[in-house]
Amino acid sequence: MERLSREELERREDELLGPLATRAADSRGRLRPEVPDPLRTCFQRDRDRILHCKSFRRMAHKTQVFLAPEGDHYRTRLTHTLEVCQISRDVARSCRLNEDLTEAIALGHDLGHTPFGHTGEDALARAMARYRGMDPATDQGRALFRHNEQSVRVVELVEKDGQGLNLCLEVVDGILCHTGPKEADTSEGQVVSICDRVAYVNHDIDDAIRAGLLSETDLPAAPCSLLGHSSTERITSMVTDLVDTTCEVGRVRMSDVTWDAMEELRAYLYAHIYSKSDAKHEEPKANRLVEELFDYYIEHLDQVPSEYRRHDADHPDVQVADFISCMTDRYAVRTYEELKVPHAWGSVTTF
């Protein structure tokens, strides 16, 4: 039996993929050139590198929205990533895009996320702004730490003891542009950006209902009438619309009516769940924890592991942010307790 080689996979891509797709053979390559793999395309190789890296495994213990939830069924950063990956691959397959590139971008898009979700992200940005004497409330201050840019630092500088994963430029671009004003250069990256939103709008509604913070009937009627009255129905509506519109207009996009309906649900979540709800009661504690960890390690830089001090020697705040952003929620809590909470001395109390 003859093996299936990389060259054959690339030939099949050329035959099967559509005009919007990115072919592995046409990749712009890596920052550090490598000998091609005999069996895998460059994008398959990147997917595997992400799956096997430490930052990917840590996402299992990082918050998505709900801090320290009671129960096994709330999303974590890892389960969110897997849902984004599944939805993105379905779209890519139906639009004849490159599934391997899509999967690599989706799996890597949140590698740089902090403990405690966006709460931790905002806390690190504030701490860095304070360190640099900047106003944390300004756009310039908030821009000091963004999880998409940190995800790029992880794959380029932090992983593999400071060597990075040396991913293809198309994968790095998709990771960087999955959020923010800049659109990804590839159709696959654009798919992941939209499917990230599809995933979290729907699973955050599901988690909020599970937590008793809202019910299906609380959701705004107009978008639900269009998209559906369950997560399954809404995801199906959004994905079908994305595929149909993309194939019709020849570029990755949803129809305006479906996009607006999804954005109305997203705005509802920001107003009722993300910014104020019982799920936010622990956020002030998480903010203080992250900022106090930052202040401690700025004063004790020698205690930051060496793998985070290989770069940006002139910017210790960046080194500390690299370290803290890689922490899981429970590791951050345990570290804080070791540094800040008094411990009993000895095992016997004498009166």
Protein backbone atom coordinates (compact mmCIF):
# COMPACT_ATOMS: atom_id res chain seq x y z
CA MET A 1 0.00 0.00 0.00
CA GLU A 2 1.41 3.39 -1.02
CA ARG A 3 1.58 6.08 1.64
CA LEU A 4 -0.22 9.41 1.25
CA SER A 5 2.51 12.04 1.02
CA ARG A 6 2.47 15.76 1.64
CA GLU A 7 2.85 16.37 -2.07
CA GLU A 8 -0.27 14.30 -2.75
CA LEU A 9 -2.21 16.21 -0.08
CA GLU A 10 -1.19 19.48 -1.68
CA ARG A 11 -2.26 18.17 -5.09
CA ARG A 12 -5.66 17.20 -3.67
CA GLU A 13 -6.03 20.66 -2.11
CA ASP A 14 -5.44 22.21 -5.50
CA GLU A 15 -8.20 20.05 -7.00
CA LEU A 16 -10.79 20.28 -4.20
CA LEU A 17 -10.49 23.75 -2.69
CA GLY A 18 -12.44 26.71 -4.03
CA PRO A 19 -11.27 30.11 -5.29
CA LEU A 20 -11.39 31.72 -1.81
CA ALA A 21 -9.22 29.05 -0.20
CA THR A 22 -5.58 29.31 0.86
CA ARG A 23 -3.48 26.42 -0.45
CA ALA A 24 -0.72 25.04 1.75
CA ALA A 25 1.62 25.00 -1.23
CA ASP A 26 1.12 28.76 -1.56
CA SER A 27 1.91 29.57 2.07
CA ARG A 28 4.15 32.58 2.70
CA GLY A 29 6.20 30.31 4.94
CA ARG A 30 7.65 30.72 8.42
CA LEU A 31 9.92 33.29 10.01
CA ARG A 32 12.53 30.53 10.31
CA PRO A 33 12.51 28.27 7.23
CA GLU A 34 12.18 24.54 7.88
CA VAL A 35 12.46 21.37 5.85
CA PRO A 36 8.90 20.37 4.81
CA ASP A 37 7.31 17.42 6.58
CA PRO A 38 7.07 14.30 4.41
CA LEU A 39 3.47 13.51 5.44
CA ARG A 40 1.80 16.71 6.60
CA THR A 41 1.14 20.01 4.90
CA CYS A 42 2.53 23.10 6.63
CA PHE A 43 -0.90 23.96 8.06
CA GLN A 44 -1.43 20.44 9.39
CA ARG A 45 1.96 20.68 11.04
CA ASP A 46 0.98 23.97 12.69
CA ARG A 47 -2.27 22.50 13.97
CA ASP A 48 -0.34 19.66 15.59
CA ARG A 49 2.20 22.01 17.17
CA ILE A 50 -0.60 24.03 18.76
CA LEU A 51 -2.39 20.92 20.03
CA HIS A 52 0.78 19.67 21.73
CA CYS A 53 1.94 22.94 23.29
CA LYS A 54 1.65 23.74 26.99
CA SER A 55 -0.46 26.83 26.45
CA PHE A 56 -3.16 24.76 24.77
CA ARG A 57 -3.39 22.38 27.71
CA ARG A 58 -3.59 25.24 30.19
CA MET A 59 -6.77 26.55 28.59
CA ALA A 60 -8.66 23.71 30.26
CA HIS A 61 -8.29 25.59 33.54
CA LYS A 62 -8.87 29.14 32.36
CA THR A 63 -12.16 30.99 32.75
CA GLN A 64 -14.38 31.72 29.79
CA VAL A 65 -17.02 34.00 31.41
CA PHE A 66 -18.03 32.54 34.77
CA LEU A 67 -15.33 32.77 37.46
CA ALA A 68 -14.94 29.62 39.60
CA PRO A 69 -18.33 28.18 38.60
CA GLU A 70 -19.95 25.43 40.63
CA GLY A 71 -20.57 22.62 38.17
CA ASP A 72 -18.81 20.66 35.47
CA HIS A 73 -20.71 21.90 32.44
CA TYR A 74 -19.74 25.56 32.16
CA ARG A 75 -17.45 26.48 29.31
CA THR A 76 -13.75 26.97 29.87
CA ARG A 77 -11.35 28.67 27.52
CA LEU A 78 -10.53 25.23 26.08
CA THR A 79 -14.10 24.11 25.44
CA HIS A 80 -14.80 27.50 23.86
CA THR A 81 -11.80 26.98 21.58
CA LEU A 82 -13.01 23.52 20.56
CA GLU A 83 -16.47 24.86 19.77
CA VAL A 84 -14.98 27.65 17.65
CA CYS A 85 -12.87 25.04 15.87
CA GLN A 86 -15.84 22.76 15.13
CA ILE A 87 -18.05 25.57 13.82
CA SER A 88 -15.22 27.07 11.77
CA ARG A 89 -14.37 23.74 10.17
CA ASP A 90 -17.99 23.15 9.18
CA VAL A 91 -18.08 26.53 7.48
CA ALA A 92 -14.70 26.01 5.81
CA ARG A 93 -15.73 22.61 4.47
CA SER A 94 -18.99 23.90 3.03
CA CYS A 95 -17.26 26.89 1.42
CA ARG A 96 -14.41 24.72 0.07
CA LEU A 97 -11.83 26.54 2.17
CA ASN A 98 -8.73 25.01 3.75
CA GLU A 99 -9.92 23.12 6.84
CA ASP A 100 -6.40 22.55 8.14
CA LEU A 101 -5.55 26.26 8.14
CA THR A 102 -8.94 27.07 9.64
CA GLU A 103 -8.41 24.51 12.41
CA ALA A 104 -4.91 25.75 13.23
CA ILE A 105 -6.11 29.35 13.58
CA ALA A 106 -9.13 28.35 15.67
CA LEU A 107 -7.11 26.17 18.03
CA GLY A 108 -4.52 28.91 18.55
CA HIS A 109 -6.69 32.00 18.69
CA ASP A 110 -6.96 32.20 22.51
CA LEU A 111 -3.60 30.77 23.62
CA GLY A 112 -2.62 34.11 25.14
CA HIS A 113 -5.74 34.59 27.22
CA THR A 114 -5.23 35.40 30.87
CA PRO A 115 -6.63 33.65 33.93
CA PHE A 116 -10.12 34.93 34.82
CA GLY A 117 -11.05 35.70 31.23
CA HIS A 118 -11.41 39.30 30.10
CA THR A 119 -11.32 40.39 33.74
CA GLY A 120 -7.70 39.25 33.93
CA GLU A 121 -6.94 40.81 30.56
CA ASP A 122 -8.22 44.21 31.72
CA ALA A 123 -6.40 43.91 35.05
CA LEU A 124 -3.06 43.26 33.35
CA ALA A 125 -3.55 46.20 31.00
CA ARG A 126 -4.26 48.46 33.98
CA ALA A 127 -1.24 47.20 35.90
CA MET A 128 1.06 47.76 32.93
CA ALA A 129 -0.36 51.25 32.42
CA ARG A 130 0.27 52.12 36.07
CA TYR A 131 3.83 50.83 35.80
CA ARG A 132 4.45 53.05 32.76
CA GLY A 133 2.80 56.08 34.31
CA MET A 134 -0.10 56.05 31.85
CA ASP A 135 -3.82 56.51 32.39
CA PRO A 136 -5.31 52.97 32.41
CA ALA A 137 -8.67 54.31 31.20
CA THR A 138 -7.33 55.60 27.87
CA ASP A 139 -7.24 53.60 24.65
CA GLN A 140 -3.45 53.74 24.84
CA GLY A 141 -3.49 52.26 28.33
CA ARG A 142 -5.96 49.52 27.47
CA ALA A 143 -3.88 48.64 24.42
CA LEU A 144 -0.89 47.60 26.53
CA PHE A 145 -2.31 44.11 26.91
CA ARG A 146 -4.66 42.49 24.42
CA HIS A 147 -5.21 38.76 24.37
CA ASN A 148 -5.00 38.40 20.59
CA GLU A 149 -1.61 40.11 20.53
CA GLN A 150 -0.54 38.01 23.50
CA SER A 151 -1.57 34.86 21.64
CA VAL A 152 0.88 35.87 18.92
CA ARG A 153 3.62 36.41 21.55
CA VAL A 154 2.90 32.93 22.88
CA VAL A 155 3.37 31.21 19.52
CA GLU A 156 6.29 33.38 18.44
CA LEU A 157 8.27 33.91 21.65
CA VAL A 158 6.96 32.20 24.78
CA GLU A 159 6.30 28.58 23.88
CA LYS A 160 9.05 25.94 23.83
CA ASP A 161 11.12 27.72 26.47
CA GLY A 162 11.31 30.93 24.51
CA GLN A 163 11.75 29.48 21.04
CA GLY A 164 8.13 29.80 19.94
CA LEU A 165 6.29 27.42 17.62
CA ASN A 166 7.50 29.00 14.36
CA LEU A 167 4.07 28.84 12.75
CA CYS A 168 3.21 29.79 9.19
CA LEU A 169 2.52 33.47 8.66
CA GLU A 170 -1.09 32.75 7.65
CA VAL A 171 -1.78 31.06 10.98
CA VAL A 172 -0.18 33.89 12.97
CA ASP A 173 -2.17 36.47 11.01
CA GLY A 174 -5.43 34.62 11.69
CA ILE A 175 -4.67 34.42 15.41
CA LEU A 176 -3.87 38.14 15.58
CA CYS A 177 -6.92 39.23 13.59
CA HIS A 178 -9.56 37.00 15.17
CA THR A 179 -10.64 40.11 17.09
CA GLY A 180 -10.03 43.81 16.67
CA PRO A 181 -10.36 46.18 13.73
CA LYS A 182 -8.02 44.45 11.27
CA GLU A 183 -9.44 41.71 9.08
CA ALA A 184 -7.39 38.56 8.53
CA ASP A 185 -5.59 38.26 5.21
CA THR A 186 -7.03 34.80 4.52
CA SER A 187 -10.62 33.66 4.10
CA GLU A 188 -9.92 31.00 6.72
CA GLY A 189 -8.90 33.62 9.27
CA GLN A 190 -12.03 35.63 8.49
CA VAL A 191 -14.17 32.53 9.08
CA VAL A 192 -12.61 31.96 12.50
CA SER A 193 -13.20 35.58 13.48
CA ILE A 194 -16.93 35.31 12.75
CA CYS A 195 -17.29 31.82 14.19
CA ASP A 196 -15.60 32.91 17.42
CA ARG A 197 -18.48 35.34 17.87
CA VAL A 198 -21.07 32.75 16.82
CA ALA A 199 -19.70 30.35 19.42
CA TYR A 200 -19.47 32.66 22.42
CA VAL A 201 -22.80 34.42 21.85
CA ASN A 202 -24.56 31.07 21.88
CA HIS A 203 -22.63 29.23 24.57
CA ASP A 204 -22.64 32.23 26.90
CA ILE A 205 -26.45 32.33 26.63
CA ASP A 206 -26.48 28.59 27.37
CA ASP A 207 -24.20 29.00 30.40
CA ALA A 208 -26.21 31.96 31.71
CA ILE A 209 -29.41 29.94 31.48
CA ARG A 210 -27.69 27.04 33.25
CA ALA A 211 -26.63 29.42 36.01
CA GLY A 212 -30.16 30.72 36.43
CA LEU A 213 -29.17 34.24 35.39
CA LEU A 214 -31.68 34.39 32.56
CA SER A 215 -34.22 32.24 30.75
CA GLU A 216 -34.86 31.75 27.06
CA THR A 217 -37.91 34.01 27.34
CA ASP A 218 -35.75 36.88 28.65
CA LEU A 219 -33.86 37.15 25.38
CA PRO A 220 -34.91 39.88 22.91
CA ALA A 221 -37.74 38.59 20.76
CA ALA A 222 -36.76 39.94 17.35
CA PRO A 223 -33.37 38.18 16.91
CA CYS A 224 -34.72 34.94 18.40
CA SER A 225 -37.66 34.98 15.99
CA LEU A 226 -35.17 35.16 13.14
CA LEU A 227 -32.43 32.87 14.44
CA GLY A 228 -34.25 30.40 16.66
CA HIS A 229 -35.22 29.70 20.25
CA SER A 230 -32.36 27.39 21.26
CA SER A 231 -28.60 27.38 20.91
CA THR A 232 -28.80 24.61 18.34
CA GLU A 233 -31.30 26.49 16.20
CA ARG A 234 -29.39 29.75 16.44
CA ILE A 235 -26.02 28.22 15.55
CA THR A 236 -27.58 26.41 12.61
CA SER A 237 -29.17 29.65 11.37
CA MET A 238 -25.95 31.64 11.70
CA VAL A 239 -23.74 29.00 10.10
CA THR A 240 -26.15 28.37 7.21
CA ASP A 241 -26.40 32.09 6.55
CA LEU A 242 -22.62 32.53 6.70
CA VAL A 243 -22.05 29.71 4.22
CA ASP A 244 -24.83 30.77 1.84
CA THR A 245 -23.86 34.43 1.85
CA THR A 246 -20.15 33.68 1.43
CA CYS A 247 -20.79 31.41 -1.55
CA GLU A 248 -23.19 33.92 -3.06
CA VAL A 249 -21.11 37.11 -2.78
CA GLY A 250 -17.65 35.55 -3.12
CA ARG A 251 -16.18 36.75 0.17
CA VAL A 252 -16.55 35.69 3.79
CA ARG A 253 -19.53 37.40 5.37
CA MET A 254 -22.98 36.96 6.89
CA SER A 255 -26.05 38.67 5.52
CA ASP A 256 -26.73 42.02 7.16
CA VAL A 257 -29.97 40.84 8.73
CA THR A 258 -28.38 37.80 10.39
CA TRP A 259 -25.31 39.75 11.51
CA ASP A 260 -27.51 42.43 13.06
CA ALA A 261 -29.58 39.79 14.88
CA MET A 262 -26.44 38.17 16.28
CA GLU A 263 -25.12 41.57 17.36
CA GLU A 264 -28.40 42.33 19.14
CA LEU A 265 -27.99 39.15 21.18
CA ARG A 266 -24.38 40.06 21.87
CA ALA A 267 -25.40 43.53 23.06
CA TYR A 268 -27.97 41.92 25.35
CA LEU A 269 -25.27 39.75 26.90
CA TYR A 270 -23.02 42.75 27.48
CA ALA A 271 -25.84 44.65 29.14
CA HIS A 272 -27.18 41.84 31.32
CA ILE A 273 -24.42 39.24 31.81
CA TYR A 274 -20.94 40.53 30.97
CA SER A 275 -21.23 43.88 32.73
CA LYS A 276 -23.66 43.18 35.56
CA SER A 277 -25.01 39.95 36.97
CA ASP A 278 -24.48 37.61 39.89
CA ALA A 279 -21.69 36.06 37.81
CA LYS A 280 -19.63 39.24 38.25
CA HIS A 281 -19.47 39.26 42.07
CA GLU A 282 -16.05 37.64 42.14
CA GLU A 283 -14.51 39.96 39.54
CA PRO A 284 -13.22 42.60 41.99
CA LYS A 285 -11.29 39.86 43.80
CA ALA A 286 -9.86 38.58 40.51
CA ASN A 287 -8.85 42.14 39.56
CA ARG A 288 -7.01 42.67 42.83
CA LEU A 289 -5.36 39.26 42.63
CA VAL A 290 -3.96 39.85 39.13
CA GLU A 291 -2.80 43.40 39.88
CA GLU A 292 -1.16 42.39 43.17
CA LEU A 293 0.61 39.48 41.49
CA PHE A 294 1.88 41.91 38.87
CA ASP A 295 3.15 44.34 41.52
CA TYR A 296 4.87 41.53 43.41
CA TYR A 297 6.72 40.15 40.40
CA ILE A 298 7.75 43.61 39.20
CA GLU A 299 9.51 43.97 42.56
CA HIS A 300 10.87 40.39 42.46
CA LEU A 301 11.72 39.90 38.82
CA ASP A 302 14.24 37.21 39.71
CA GLN A 303 11.30 34.99 40.72
CA VAL A 304 9.80 35.10 37.24
CA PRO A 305 10.78 31.84 35.46
CA SER A 306 13.64 32.30 33.04
CA GLU A 307 11.57 31.26 30.01
CA TYR A 308 9.58 34.51 30.39
CA ARG A 309 12.70 36.66 30.78
CA ARG A 310 14.39 35.71 27.52
CA HIS A 311 12.83 38.65 25.68
CA ASP A 312 12.03 42.32 26.35
CA ALA A 313 14.77 42.80 28.91
CA ASP A 314 14.12 46.56 28.80
CA HIS A 315 10.43 46.04 29.61
CA PRO A 316 10.05 44.02 32.81
CA ASP A 317 6.30 44.69 32.77
CA VAL A 318 6.06 42.71 29.53
CA GLN A 319 8.01 39.82 31.06
CA VAL A 320 5.73 39.78 34.09
CA ALA A 321 2.63 39.98 31.89
CA ASP A 322 3.90 37.02 29.86
CA PHE A 323 4.22 35.00 33.07
CA ILE A 324 0.90 35.96 34.63
CA SER A 325 -1.09 35.60 31.41
CA CYS A 326 0.11 32.01 31.10
CA MET A 327 -1.22 31.12 34.56
CA THR A 328 -4.40 29.10 34.94
CA ASP A 329 -7.04 30.39 37.31
CA ARG A 330 -6.17 27.88 40.01
CA TYR A 331 -2.40 28.38 39.65
CA ALA A 332 -2.88 32.15 39.99
CA VAL A 333 -4.98 31.65 43.14
CA ARG A 334 -2.48 29.19 44.60
CA THR A 335 0.45 31.49 43.85
CA TYR A 336 -1.36 34.45 45.39
CA GLU A 337 -2.11 32.46 48.53
CA GLU A 338 1.53 31.40 48.84
CA LEU A 339 2.72 34.99 48.49
CA LYS A 340 0.02 36.90 50.35
CA VAL A 341 -1.73 34.60 52.85
CA PRO A 342 -0.01 33.76 56.18
CA HIS A 343 0.84 30.08 56.65
CA ALA A 344 0.88 28.11 59.87
CA TRP A 345 4.38 27.53 61.24
CA GLY A 346 5.19 24.08 62.55
CA SER A 347 2.75 21.28 63.22
CA VAL A 348 2.26 21.53 67.00
CA THR A 349 0.96 24.49 68.99
CA THR A 350 2.54 24.92 72.44
CA PHE A 351 0.91 26.96 75.20
